[in-house]
C-alpha atoms as a PDB file:
ATOM      1  CA  MET A   1       6.998 -20.396 -24.471  1.00  0.00           C
ATOM      2  CA  LYS A   2       4.651 -23.398 -24.024  1.00  0.00           C
ATOM      3  CA  SER A   3       3.900 -22.447 -20.374  1.00  0.00           C
ATOM      4  CA  ARG A   4       2.696 -18.984 -21.753  1.00  0.00           C
ATOM      5  CA  ARG A   5       0.460 -20.716 -24.350  1.00  0.00           C
ATOM      6  CA  PHE A   6      -0.945 -22.982 -21.783  1.00  0.00           C
ATOM      7  CA  ILE A   7      -1.772 -19.944 -19.397  1.00  0.00           C
ATOM      8  CA  GLY A   8      -3.457 -18.178 -22.073  1.00  0.00           C
ATOM      9  CA  LEU A   9      -5.476 -21.042 -23.138  1.00  0.00           C
ATOM     10  CA  VAL A  10      -6.685 -21.703 -19.531  1.00  0.00           C
ATOM     11  CA  PHE A  11      -7.517 -17.932 -18.994  1.00  0.00           C
ATOM     12  CA  VAL A  12      -9.555 -18.009 -22.189  1.00  0.00           C
ATOM     13  CA  LEU A  13     -11.501 -21.037 -21.360  1.00  0.00           C
ATOM     14  CA  LEU A  14     -12.162 -20.135 -17.715  1.00  0.00           C
ATOM     15  CA  CYS A  15     -12.845 -16.378 -18.580  1.00  0.00           C
ATOM     16  CA  GLY A  16     -15.664 -17.569 -20.833  1.00  0.00           C
ATOM     17  CA  SER A  17     -17.496 -19.557 -18.039  1.00  0.00           C
ATOM     18  CA  LEU A  18     -17.136 -16.736 -15.594  1.00  0.00           C
ATOM     19  CA  TYR A  19     -18.505 -13.977 -17.931  1.00  0.00           C
ATOM     20  CA  ALA A  20     -21.552 -16.316 -18.656  1.00  0.00           C
ATOM     21  CA  GLN A  21     -22.537 -15.341 -14.927  1.00  0.00           C
ATOM     22  CA  ASP A  22     -22.890 -12.650 -12.461  1.00  0.00           C
ATOM     23  CA  PHE A  23     -19.308 -13.589 -11.127  1.00  0.00           C
ATOM     24  CA  GLN A  24     -17.835 -11.963  -7.987  1.00  0.00           C
ATOM     25  CA  GLY A  25     -15.010 -12.896  -5.667  1.00  0.00           C
ATOM     26  CA  LYS A  26     -13.615 -11.937  -2.392  1.00  0.00           C
ATOM     27  CA  ALA A  27      -9.976 -12.390  -1.462  1.00  0.00           C
ATOM     28  CA  THR A  28      -8.299 -11.549   2.025  1.00  0.00           C
ATOM     29  CA  TYR A  29      -4.723 -10.477   2.001  1.00  0.00           C
ATOM     30  CA  PHE A  30      -2.171  -9.861   4.768  1.00  0.00           C
ATOM     31  CA  SER A  31       0.133  -7.144   4.215  1.00  0.00           C
ATOM     32  CA  LYS A  32       3.546  -6.606   5.817  1.00  0.00           C
ATOM     33  CA  THR A  33       5.958  -3.626   5.623  1.00  0.00           C
ATOM     34  CA  GLN A  34       9.517  -3.474   6.773  1.00  0.00           C
ATOM     35  CA  VAL A  35      10.706  -0.053   7.859  1.00  0.00           C
ATOM     36  CA  ASN A  36      14.313   0.680   8.800  1.00  0.00           C
ATOM     37  CA  MET A  37      14.009   3.720  11.035  1.00  0.00           C
ATOM     38  CA  ASP A  38      16.927   6.181  11.125  1.00  0.00           C
ATOM     39  CA  PHE A  39      17.193   7.927  14.498  1.00  0.00           C
ATOM     40  CA  GLY A  40      20.191   9.913  13.466  1.00  0.00           C
ATOM     41  CA  ASN A  41      22.467  10.947  16.344  1.00  0.00           C
ATOM     42  CA  ARG A  42      19.617  11.258  18.910  1.00  0.00           C
ATOM     43  CA  GLN A  43      20.249  10.037  22.260  1.00  0.00           C
ATOM     44  CA  ILE A  44      17.238   7.713  22.791  1.00  0.00           C
ATOM     45  CA  PRO A  45      17.126   5.026  25.279  1.00  0.00           C
ATOM     46  CA  GLU A  46      17.392   1.501  24.012  1.00  0.00           C
ATOM     47  CA  ASP A  47      14.032   0.506  25.560  1.00  0.00           C
ATOM     48  CA  ARG A  48      12.234   3.547  24.014  1.00  0.00           C
ATOM     49  CA  LYS A  49      13.725   2.626  20.474  1.00  0.00           C
ATOM     50  CA  LYS A  50      12.618  -0.884  21.011  1.00  0.00           C
ATOM     51  CA  GLU A  51       9.087   0.249  21.955  1.00  0.00           C
ATOM     52  CA  MET A  52       8.891   2.633  18.936  1.00  0.00           C
ATOM     53  CA  MET A  53      10.189  -0.151  16.493  1.00  0.00           C
ATOM     54  CA  GLU A  54       7.551  -2.528  17.820  1.00  0.00           C
ATOM     55  CA  ARG A  55       4.889  -0.061  17.422  1.00  0.00           C
ATOM     56  CA  ILE A  56       5.941   0.808  13.861  1.00  0.00           C
ATOM     57  CA  LYS A  57       5.954  -2.967  13.186  1.00  0.00           C
ATOM     58  CA  ARG A  58       2.314  -3.437  14.479  1.00  0.00           C
ATOM     59  CA  ALA A  59       1.287  -0.554  12.407  1.00  0.00           C
ATOM     60  CA  ASN A  60       2.545  -1.817   9.226  1.00  0.00           C
ATOM     61  CA  GLU A  61       1.043  -5.281   9.534  1.00  0.00           C
ATOM     62  CA  LYS A  62      -2.430  -5.046   8.090  1.00  0.00           C
ATOM     63  CA  THR A  63      -5.404  -7.156   6.646  1.00  0.00           C
ATOM     64  CA  PHE A  64      -7.112  -6.046   3.542  1.00  0.00           C
ATOM     65  CA  VAL A  65     -10.167  -7.437   1.566  1.00  0.00           C
ATOM     66  CA  LEU A  66     -10.408  -7.316  -2.212  1.00  0.00           C
ATOM     67  CA  ASN A  67     -13.935  -7.627  -3.623  1.00  0.00           C
ATOM     68  CA  PHE A  68     -13.745  -8.015  -7.379  1.00  0.00           C
ATOM     69  CA  ASN A  69     -15.629  -8.913 -10.494  1.00  0.00           C
ATOM     70  CA  GLN A  70     -14.365  -9.066 -14.116  1.00  0.00           C
ATOM     71  CA  THR A  71     -13.773  -5.399 -14.522  1.00  0.00           C
ATOM     72  CA  GLU A  72     -14.036  -3.817 -11.058  1.00  0.00           C
ATOM     73  CA  SER A  73     -12.634  -4.108  -7.662  1.00  0.00           C
ATOM     74  CA  ILE A  74     -12.484  -2.497  -4.152  1.00  0.00           C
ATOM     75  CA  TYR A  75      -9.546  -3.083  -1.827  1.00  0.00           C
ATOM     76  CA  LYS A  76     -10.253  -2.107   1.638  1.00  0.00           C
ATOM     77  CA  GLU A  77      -8.337  -2.445   4.981  1.00  0.00           C
ATOM     78  CA  GLU A  78      -9.989  -4.427   7.513  1.00  0.00           C
ATOM     79  CA  GLU A  79     -10.852  -2.453  10.689  1.00  0.00           C
ATOM     80  CA  GLN A  80      -9.003  -3.369  13.864  1.00  0.00           C
ATOM     81  CA  LEU A  81      -9.517  -2.543  17.556  1.00  0.00           C
ATOM     82  CA  GLU A  82      -6.884  -0.313  18.696  1.00  0.00           C
ATOM     83  CA  GLN A  83      -4.439  -1.756  21.103  1.00  0.00           C
ATOM     84  CA  PRO A  84      -3.821  -0.306  24.623  1.00  0.00           C
ATOM     85  CA  GLY A  85      -1.204   2.320  24.386  1.00  0.00           C
ATOM     86  CA  GLY A  86      -1.475   2.462  20.637  1.00  0.00           C
ATOM     87  CA  ARG A  87      -1.871   6.318  20.565  1.00  0.00           C
ATOM     88  CA  ASP A  88       1.160   8.319  20.751  1.00  0.00           C
ATOM     89  CA  GLY A  89      -0.239  11.073  22.840  1.00  0.00           C
ATOM     90  CA  GLY A  90       0.526  13.686  20.460  1.00  0.00           C
ATOM     91  CA  ARG A  91       4.217  13.235  20.911  1.00  0.00           C
ATOM     92  CA  GLY A  92       5.196  11.924  17.673  1.00  0.00           C
ATOM     93  CA  PRO A  93       4.253  10.834  14.059  1.00  0.00           C
ATOM     94  CA  ARG A  94       1.702   8.135  13.086  1.00  0.00           C
ATOM     95  CA  PHE A  95       3.943   5.164  12.377  1.00  0.00           C
ATOM     96  CA  GLY A  96       1.318   3.643  10.280  1.00  0.00           C
ATOM     97  CA  ALA A  97       1.969   6.398   7.669  1.00  0.00           C
ATOM     98  CA  PHE A  98       5.038   4.473   6.482  1.00  0.00           C
ATOM     99  CA  SER A  99       2.663   1.809   4.788  1.00  0.00           C
ATOM    100  CA  THR A 100       1.235   1.901   1.293  1.00  0.00           C
ATOM    101  CA  SER A 101      -2.377   2.004   2.423  1.00  0.00           C
ATOM    102  CA  GLY A 102      -4.706   4.946   2.282  1.00  0.00           C
ATOM    103  CA  GLY A 103      -8.535   4.924   1.652  1.00  0.00           C
ATOM    104  CA  ASP A 104     -10.492   2.211  -0.147  1.00  0.00           C
ATOM    105  CA  LEU A 105      -9.056   1.701  -3.642  1.00  0.00           C
ATOM    106  CA  TYR A 106     -11.382   1.287  -6.451  1.00  0.00           C
ATOM    107  CA  LYS A 107     -10.093   0.053  -9.715  1.00  0.00           C
ATOM    108  CA  ASN A 108     -11.863  -0.069 -12.964  1.00  0.00           C
ATOM    109  CA  ILE A 109      -9.682  -2.338 -15.345  1.00  0.00           C
ATOM    110  CA  LYS A 110     -12.121  -1.660 -18.353  1.00  0.00           C
ATOM    111  CA  GLU A 111     -11.825   2.031 -17.913  1.00  0.00           C
ATOM    112  CA  GLY A 112      -8.066   1.982 -16.974  1.00  0.00           C
ATOM    113  CA  LYS A 113      -8.513   4.179 -13.903  1.00  0.00           C
ATOM    114  CA  TYR A 114      -8.481   4.084 -10.086  1.00  0.00           C
ATOM    115  CA  LEU A 115     -10.301   6.098  -7.274  1.00  0.00           C
ATOM    116  CA  ILE A 116      -9.355   6.853  -3.765  1.00  0.00           C
ATOM    117  CA  LYS A 117     -11.327   8.670  -1.177  1.00  0.00           C
ATOM    118  CA  ASN A 118      -8.966   9.919   1.356  1.00  0.00           C
ATOM    119  CA  GLU A 119      -9.421  12.312   4.464  1.00  0.00           C
ATOM    120  CA  LEU A 120      -6.397  14.570   5.073  1.00  0.00           C
ATOM    121  CA  LEU A 121      -6.618  16.841   8.465  1.00  0.00           C
ATOM    122  CA  GLY A 122     -10.533  16.859   8.139  1.00  0.00           C
ATOM    123  CA  LYS A 123     -10.706  17.459   4.482  1.00  0.00           C
ATOM    124  CA  ILE A 124     -11.926  14.777   2.057  1.00  0.00           C
ATOM    125  CA  PHE A 125     -10.053  14.289  -1.213  1.00  0.00           C
ATOM    126  CA  LEU A 126     -11.072  12.022  -4.206  1.00  0.00           C
ATOM    127  CA  ILE A 127      -7.878  10.882  -6.085  1.00  0.00           C
ATOM    128  CA  ASP A 128      -8.820  10.144  -9.576  1.00  0.00           C
ATOM    129  CA  ASP A 129      -6.121   9.012 -11.917  1.00  0.00           C
ATOM    130  CA  GLU A 130      -5.038   6.438 -14.443  1.00  0.00           C
ATOM    131  CA  LEU A 131      -3.953   3.052 -13.583  1.00  0.00           C
ATOM    132  CA  GLU A 132      -0.268   2.416 -13.896  1.00  0.00           C
ATOM    133  CA  LYS A 133       0.349  -0.466 -16.582  1.00  0.00           C
ATOM    134  CA  LEU A 134       3.479  -2.467 -15.587  1.00  0.00           C
ATOM    135  CA  ASP A 135       5.375  -4.394 -18.248  1.00  0.00           C
ATOM    136  CA  TRP A 136       5.063  -7.793 -16.818  1.00  0.00           C
ATOM    137  CA  VAL A 137       7.329 -10.481 -17.646  1.00  0.00           C
ATOM    138  CA  LEU A 138       5.655 -14.037 -17.368  1.00  0.00           C
ATOM    139  CA  GLY A 139       7.870 -16.720 -16.058  1.00  0.00           C
ATOM    140  CA  SER A 140       7.402 -20.641 -15.823  1.00  0.00           C
ATOM    141  CA  GLU A 141       8.142 -21.023 -12.088  1.00  0.00           C
ATOM    142  CA  THR A 142       5.057 -22.048  -9.986  1.00  0.00           C
ATOM    143  CA  ARG A 143       4.086 -22.163  -6.253  1.00  0.00           C
ATOM    144  CA  GLN A 144       1.166 -23.349  -4.459  1.00  0.00           C
ATOM    145  CA  ILE A 145      -0.820 -20.684  -2.434  1.00  0.00           C
ATOM    146  CA  GLY A 146      -3.598 -22.163  -0.712  1.00  0.00           C
ATOM    147  CA  ASN A 147      -5.547 -24.446  -3.097  1.00  0.00           C
ATOM    148  CA  TYR A 148      -4.190 -22.552  -6.094  1.00  0.00           C
ATOM    149  CA  THR A 149      -1.280 -22.911  -8.469  1.00  0.00           C
ATOM    150  CA  ALA A 150       0.428 -19.544  -8.967  1.00  0.00           C
ATOM    151  CA  PHE A 151       2.779 -18.605 -11.529  1.00  0.00           C
ATOM    152  CA  LYS A 152       5.501 -15.979 -11.240  1.00  0.00           C
ATOM    153  CA  ALA A 153       5.683 -12.572 -12.942  1.00  0.00           C
ATOM    154  CA  THR A 154       8.127  -9.798 -12.469  1.00  0.00           C
ATOM    155  CA  ALA A 155       8.169  -5.989 -13.508  1.00  0.00           C
ATOM    156  CA  LYS A 156      10.044  -2.975 -12.741  1.00  0.00           C
ATOM    157  CA  LYS A 157       8.267  -0.052 -11.151  1.00  0.00           C
ATOM    158  CA  THR A 158       9.244   3.416  -9.661  1.00  0.00           C
ATOM    159  CA  ILE A 159       8.262   3.773  -6.012  1.00  0.00           C
ATOM    160  CA  LYS A 160       7.614   6.939  -4.139  1.00  0.00           C
ATOM    161  CA  ARG A 161       7.296   6.562  -0.408  1.00  0.00           C
ATOM    162  CA  PRO A 162       7.794   8.833   2.819  1.00  0.00           C
ATOM    163  CA  ASN A 163      11.384   9.467   3.693  1.00  0.00           C
ATOM    164  CA  THR A 164      11.900   8.100   7.220  1.00  0.00           C
ATOM    165  CA  ARG A 165      15.156  10.091   7.761  1.00  0.00           C
ATOM    166  CA  ALA A 166      13.320  13.365   7.673  1.00  0.00           C
ATOM    167  CA  ILE A 167      11.158  12.547  10.644  1.00  0.00           C
ATOM    168  CA  PHE A 168      13.621  12.337  13.387  1.00  0.00           C
ATOM    169  CA  ARG A 169      16.260  14.802  12.214  1.00  0.00           C
ATOM    170  CA  ARG A 170      17.541  17.413  14.740  1.00  0.00           C
ATOM    171  CA  ARG A 171      16.099  20.923  14.738  1.00  0.00           C
ATOM    172  CA  ASN A 172      19.526  22.755  15.066  1.00  0.00           C
ATOM    173  CA  ASP A 173      21.501  21.926  11.942  1.00  0.00           C
ATOM    174  CA  ASP A 174      23.998  24.537  10.754  1.00  0.00           C
ATOM    175  CA  ASP A 175      24.759  22.586   7.612  1.00  0.00           C
ATOM    176  CA  LYS A 176      22.089  24.030   5.357  1.00  0.00           C
ATOM    177  CA  LYS A 177      22.625  21.787   2.290  1.00  0.00           C
ATOM    178  CA  GLU A 178      22.297  18.575   4.553  1.00  0.00           C
ATOM    179  CA  GLU A 179      19.213  20.176   6.102  1.00  0.00           C
ATOM    180  CA  ALA A 180      17.688  20.659   2.661  1.00  0.00           C
ATOM    181  CA  LYS A 181      18.533  17.149   1.784  1.00  0.00           C
ATOM    182  CA  ARG A 182      16.727  15.802   4.785  1.00  0.00           C
ATOM    183  CA  GLU A 183      13.739  18.104   4.226  1.00  0.00           C
ATOM    184  CA  GLU A 184      12.616  15.810   1.209  1.00  0.00           C
ATOM    185  CA  GLU A 185       9.615  14.104   2.353  1.00  0.00           C
ATOM    186  CA  PHE A 186       9.652  11.336  -0.207  1.00  0.00           C
ATOM    187  CA  GLU A 187      12.281   9.053  -1.752  1.00  0.00           C
ATOM    188  CA  ILE A 188      11.852   7.797  -5.269  1.00  0.00           C
ATOM    189  CA  LYS A 189      13.499   4.651  -6.519  1.00  0.00           C
ATOM    190  CA  GLU A 190      13.122   1.894  -9.126  1.00  0.00           C
ATOM    191  CA  VAL A 191      12.566  -1.676  -7.553  1.00  0.00           C
ATOM    192  CA  GLU A 192      11.545  -5.039  -8.994  1.00  0.00           C
ATOM    193  CA  ILE A 193       8.023  -6.332  -8.258  1.00  0.00           C
ATOM    194  CA  VAL A 194       7.445 -10.105  -8.024  1.00  0.00           C
ATOM    195  CA  ALA A 195       3.984 -11.339  -8.369  1.00  0.00           C
ATOM    196  CA  TRP A 196       2.276 -14.815  -8.104  1.00  0.00           C
ATOM    197  CA  TYR A 197      -0.929 -15.114 -10.024  1.00  0.00           C
ATOM    198  CA  THR A 198      -3.324 -17.922 -10.708  1.00  0.00           C
ATOM    199  CA  PRO A 199      -5.016 -18.574 -14.207  1.00  0.00           C
ATOM    200  CA  GLU A 200      -7.504 -20.641 -12.272  1.00  0.00           C
ATOM    201  CA  ILE A 201      -9.302 -17.300 -11.335  1.00  0.00           C
ATOM    202  CA  PRO A 202      -9.146 -15.626 -14.745  1.00  0.00           C
ATOM    203  CA  VAL A 203      -9.509 -11.802 -13.774  1.00  0.00           C
ATOM    204  CA  ASN A 204      -7.040  -9.007 -14.194  1.00  0.00           C
ATOM    205  CA  GLN A 205      -7.303  -7.987 -10.565  1.00  0.00           C
ATOM    206  CA  GLY A 206      -4.841  -8.015  -7.614  1.00  0.00           C
ATOM    207  CA  PRO A 207      -4.388  -6.321  -4.356  1.00  0.00           C
ATOM    208  CA  SER A 208      -3.312  -2.621  -3.714  1.00  0.00           C
ATOM    209  CA  GLU A 209      -2.649  -0.968  -7.091  1.00  0.00           C
ATOM    210  CA  TYR A 210      -1.517  -4.173  -8.693  1.00  0.00           C
ATOM    211  CA  TRP A 211      -3.326  -5.648 -11.798  1.00  0.00           C
ATOM    212  CA  GLY A 212      -2.730  -6.775 -15.444  1.00  0.00           C
ATOM    213  CA  LEU A 213      -1.893 -10.373 -15.186  1.00  0.00           C
ATOM    214  CA  PRO A 214      -3.780 -13.280 -16.696  1.00  0.00           C
ATOM    215  CA  GLY A 215      -5.193 -14.369 -13.353  1.00  0.00           C
ATOM    216  CA  LEU A 216      -5.758 -13.057  -9.896  1.00  0.00           C
ATOM    217  CA  ILE A 217      -2.768 -11.854  -8.249  1.00  0.00           C
ATOM    218  CA  LEU A 218      -2.403 -14.056  -4.999  1.00  0.00           C
ATOM    219  CA  ALA A 219       1.003 -12.581  -3.663  1.00  0.00           C
ATOM    220  CA  VAL A 220       3.082  -9.562  -4.556  1.00  0.00           C
ATOM    221  CA  SER A 221       6.071  -7.871  -3.128  1.00  0.00           C
ATOM    222  CA  ASP A 222       8.451  -4.972  -3.591  1.00  0.00           C
ATOM    223  CA  ASP A 223      11.682  -4.079  -1.830  1.00  0.00           C
ATOM    224  CA  ILE A 224       9.954  -3.696   1.555  1.00  0.00           C
ATOM    225  CA  THR A 225       6.384  -4.751   1.308  1.00  0.00           C
ATOM    226  CA  THR A 226       4.918  -8.299   0.942  1.00  0.00           C
ATOM    227  CA  ILE A 227       1.272  -9.062   0.327  1.00  0.00           C
ATOM    228  CA  VAL A 228      -0.071 -12.585   0.435  1.00  0.00           C
ATOM    229  CA  CYS A 229      -3.538 -13.996  -0.021  1.00  0.00           C
ATOM    230  CA  SER A 230      -4.996 -15.940   2.827  1.00  0.00           C
ATOM    231  CA  GLU A 231      -8.409 -16.863   1.891  1.00  0.00           C
ATOM    232  CA  ILE A 232     -10.767 -16.772  -1.176  1.00  0.00           C
ATOM    233  CA  THR A 233     -14.402 -17.001  -1.826  1.00  0.00           C
ATOM    234  CA  LEU A 234     -16.004 -17.162  -5.327  1.00  0.00           C
ATOM    235  CA  ASN A 235     -19.500 -16.197  -6.033  1.00  0.00           C
ATOM    236  CA  PRO A 236     -20.093 -15.543  -2.110  1.00  0.00           C
ATOM    237  CA  LYS A 237     -23.859 -15.753  -1.165  1.00  0.00           C
ATOM    238  CA  GLU A 238     -23.984 -12.041   0.012  1.00  0.00           C
ATOM    239  CA  LYS A 239     -22.912  -9.898  -2.851  1.00  0.00           C
ATOM    240  CA  VAL A 240     -20.918  -6.876  -2.272  1.00  0.00           C
ATOM    241  CA  GLU A 241     -21.750  -3.809  -4.225  1.00  0.00           C
ATOM    242  CA  ILE A 242     -18.505  -2.577  -5.979  1.00  0.00           C
ATOM    243  CA  LYS A 243     -19.039   1.109  -6.347  1.00  0.00           C
ATOM    244  CA  ALA A 244     -16.658   3.783  -7.222  1.00  0.00           C
ATOM    245  CA  PRO A 245     -16.467   6.623  -4.444  1.00  0.00           C
ATOM    246  CA  SER A 246     -17.834   9.979  -5.567  1.00  0.00           C
ATOM    247  CA  LYS A 247     -17.423  12.363  -2.821  1.00  0.00           C
ATOM    248  CA  GLY A 248     -14.497  14.611  -2.015  1.00  0.00           C
ATOM    249  CA  LYS A 249     -12.294  17.360  -3.851  1.00  0.00           C
ATOM    250  CA  LYS A 250     -11.207  15.582  -7.060  1.00  0.00           C
ATOM    251  CA  VAL A 251      -7.465  15.614  -7.611  1.00  0.00           C
ATOM    252  CA  THR A 252      -4.663  13.662  -9.476  1.00  0.00           C
ATOM    253  CA  GLN A 253      -2.327  11.510  -7.544  1.00  0.00           C
ATOM    254  CA  ALA A 254       0.458  13.932  -8.071  1.00  0.00           C
ATOM    255  CA  GLU A 255      -1.647  16.867  -6.770  1.00  0.00           C
ATOM    256  CA  TYR A 256      -2.607  14.695  -3.796  1.00  0.00           C
ATOM    257  CA  ASP A 257       0.942  13.896  -3.055  1.00  0.00           C
ATOM    258  CA  LYS A 258       1.987  17.589  -3.144  1.00  0.00           C
ATOM    259  CA  ILE A 259      -0.675  18.550  -0.707  1.00  0.00           C
ATOM    260  CA  SER A 260       0.085  15.558   1.532  1.00  0.00           C
ATOM    261  CA  GLN A 261       3.773  16.540   1.532  1.00  0.00           C
ATOM    262  CA  GLU A 262       3.012  20.177   2.464  1.00  0.00           C
ATOM    263  CA  LYS A 263       0.761  19.073   5.315  1.00  0.00           C
ATOM    264  CA  MET A 264       3.405  16.622   6.616  1.00  0.00           C
ATOM    265  CA  LYS A 265       5.889  19.413   6.769  1.00  0.00           C
ATOM    266  CA  GLU A 266       3.494  21.506   8.644  1.00  0.00           C
ATOM    267  CA  MET A 267       2.648  18.638  11.120  1.00  0.00           C
ATOM    268  CA  ARG A 268       6.421  18.051  11.496  1.00  0.00           C
ATOM    269  CA  GLU A 269       7.163  21.821  12.391  1.00  0.00           C
ATOM    270  CA  ASN A 270       4.361  21.804  14.719  1.00  0.00           C
ATOM    271  CA  PHE A 271       5.704  18.672  16.410  1.00  0.00           C
ATOM    272  CA  ARG A 272       9.265  20.005  16.565  1.00  0.00           C
ATOM    273  CA  ASN A 273       8.030  23.260  18.121  1.00  0.00           C
ATOM    274  CA  ARG A 274       6.079  21.260  20.859  1.00  0.00           C
ATOM    275  CA  GLY A 275       9.066  19.077  21.404  1.00  0.00           C
ATOM    276  CA  GLY A 276      11.384  22.119  22.046  1.00  0.00           C
ATOM    277  CA  ARG A 277       9.687  22.665  25.446  1.00  0.00           C
ATOM    278  CA  GLY A 278      10.535  19.267  26.578  1.00  0.00           C
ATOM    279  CA  ARG A 279      14.302  18.902  25.766  1.00  0.00           C
ATOM    280  CA  GLY A 280      16.354  16.588  27.860  1.00  0.00           C
ATOM    281  CA  ASN A 281      13.456  14.067  28.461  1.00  0.00           C
ATOM    282  CA  GLY A 282      15.119  11.408  26.170  1.00  0.00           C
ATOM    283  CA  ARG A 283      12.256  11.489  23.681  1.00  0.00           C
ATOM    284  CA  PRO A 284      12.668  12.370  19.956  1.00  0.00           C
ATOM    285  CA  GLN A 285      11.981  16.166  19.371  1.00  0.00           C
END
């Protein structure tokens, strides 16, 4: 209880000093997502499986930059040069789709909303929805992250993500019930979120969709994804304009998920139809 009062006092004092100036910060995060791929009963050579899993691993290790002020932030993936052999040649899915990243994520804490500009098969969508407010439980445990002392906080969150079992399923399946079950493109589950925040940077911001703690979130993890801050710059010389995206067809997150799910089914059917001409080559169809 004493630790919570201390955190609150530090937050208030530091917050006053930051709001007295044109405060802005920049934080770099490394994100890593583990994917357990289910190849089903397919006869895939072990070297091919190893190659695919390595590509999945690379596709789900990303670096992001969070530019933030007291009320707004932009979370953006750093562009990386494509590695040789990085393309799949049209033979299979984009393995990076298993990660949580999308377009640039704009959060406005004061208005309680977020915006994401995403391109889906050549069409631009603007996801406009309310920020999810997690019921954080503040703890007294601390750890050092860089030059900052971070406090632990936990919360329960319902996660919705692509169902990897549906990607490599066999085309010919007489069991209609089992096929319908595997047709589900997303799995939904409740997981525990563990975050580490520092009151030394008293803003309610954080990486990805996370926010709402009395200090910048420096690390956060769910059941498969871990995000850790590696560098922080406060009041950089070159200010970054934190501007909400405005172009694209405006949809809610639920509407976008439905559209995305339909497109994923179409792409999978097209992939399966193409694969039907190359059976026997040992590649997933």
